[in-house]
Amino acid sequence: MSNLATYYNKHTISPVRQNINSMDIFFSKRSFLYKRLGLTENFFYRKNILEIGPGPGLNSLYISSLLPKKYTLL
């Protein structure tokens, strides 16, 4: 097990956990992330989107708000 995995397990930390108590804050963070990746809101609009490995599906909350034509989680 890597040092990071050992640390996460010891302190019961999930490095992928998201706080979605405020959807406005969550959406703002997602928007910032995707813009930093070069993916503006228009990139998703009316497009067929395939998300592989969606985990609990939190990204889908944001991406579905951008009105893709079809959004598939695999």
Protein backbone atom coordinates (compact mmCIF):
# COMPACT_ATOMS: atom_id res chain seq x y z
CA MET A 1 0.00 0.00 0.00
CA SER A 2 1.32 3.46 -0.86
CA ASN A 3 2.16 6.02 1.80
CA LEU A 4 -0.88 8.08 0.79
CA ALA A 5 -3.23 5.12 1.04
CA THR A 6 -1.81 4.27 4.47
CA TYR A 7 -2.31 7.87 5.62
CA TYR A 8 -5.88 7.99 4.26
CA ASN A 9 -6.75 4.72 5.96
CA LYS A 10 -5.16 5.74 9.27
CA HIS A 11 -7.09 9.03 9.39
CA THR A 12 -10.26 7.70 7.72
CA ILE A 13 -9.98 10.21 4.88
CA SER A 14 -11.55 9.80 1.48
CA PRO A 15 -9.58 11.92 -1.00
CA VAL A 16 -12.53 11.91 -3.41
CA ARG A 17 -15.31 12.79 -0.97
CA GLN A 18 -17.25 15.93 -1.88
CA ASN A 19 -19.18 18.26 0.37
CA ILE A 20 -22.50 18.96 -1.33
CA ASN A 21 -24.25 20.75 1.54
CA SER A 22 -24.51 23.77 -0.77
CA MET A 23 -25.26 22.93 -4.38
CA ASP A 24 -24.30 26.48 -5.40
CA ILE A 25 -20.81 26.04 -3.96
CA PHE A 26 -20.49 22.53 -5.40
CA PHE A 27 -21.54 23.72 -8.88
CA SER A 28 -19.16 26.67 -8.64
CA LYS A 29 -16.26 24.32 -7.85
CA ARG A 30 -17.22 21.97 -10.70
CA SER A 31 -17.49 24.90 -13.10
CA PHE A 32 -14.04 26.14 -12.07
CA LEU A 33 -12.54 22.65 -12.45
CA TYR A 34 -13.96 22.09 -15.93
CA LYS A 35 -12.96 25.56 -17.09
CA ARG A 36 -9.39 24.89 -15.88
CA LEU A 37 -9.51 21.72 -17.99
CA GLY A 38 -10.61 23.81 -20.99
CA LEU A 39 -14.19 22.50 -20.92
CA THR A 40 -16.67 25.37 -20.84
CA GLU A 41 -20.40 24.93 -20.25
CA ASN A 42 -21.00 25.07 -24.02
CA PHE A 43 -18.80 22.01 -24.47
CA PHE A 44 -21.49 19.83 -22.85
CA TYR A 45 -24.61 21.52 -24.25
CA ARG A 46 -26.54 19.22 -26.64
CA LYS A 47 -23.63 16.75 -26.81
CA ASN A 48 -23.56 13.00 -26.19
CA ILE A 49 -21.50 12.54 -23.02
CA LEU A 50 -20.06 9.26 -21.75
CA GLU A 51 -18.64 9.27 -18.23
CA ILE A 52 -16.60 6.18 -17.38
CA GLY A 53 -16.21 5.32 -13.71
CA PRO A 54 -18.63 7.89 -12.26
CA GLY A 55 -18.24 6.68 -8.68
CA PRO A 56 -21.21 8.00 -6.70
CA GLY A 57 -22.24 10.16 -9.67
CA LEU A 58 -21.57 13.60 -8.18
CA ASN A 59 -20.18 14.97 -11.46
CA SER A 60 -23.48 14.00 -13.08
CA LEU A 61 -25.31 16.53 -10.91
CA TYR A 62 -23.33 19.33 -12.50
CA ILE A 63 -22.98 17.99 -16.03
CA SER A 64 -26.68 17.17 -16.34
CA SER A 65 -27.45 20.80 -15.46
CA LEU A 66 -25.53 21.80 -18.63
CA LEU A 67 -28.19 20.09 -20.75
CA PRO A 68 -26.31 17.43 -22.67
CA LYS A 69 -28.25 15.69 -25.44
CA LYS A 70 -27.51 12.29 -23.92
CA TYR A 71 -25.53 11.51 -20.76
CA THR A 72 -24.43 7.95 -20.09
CA LEU A 73 -22.68 6.80 -16.92
CA LEU A 74 -20.73 3.58 -17.27
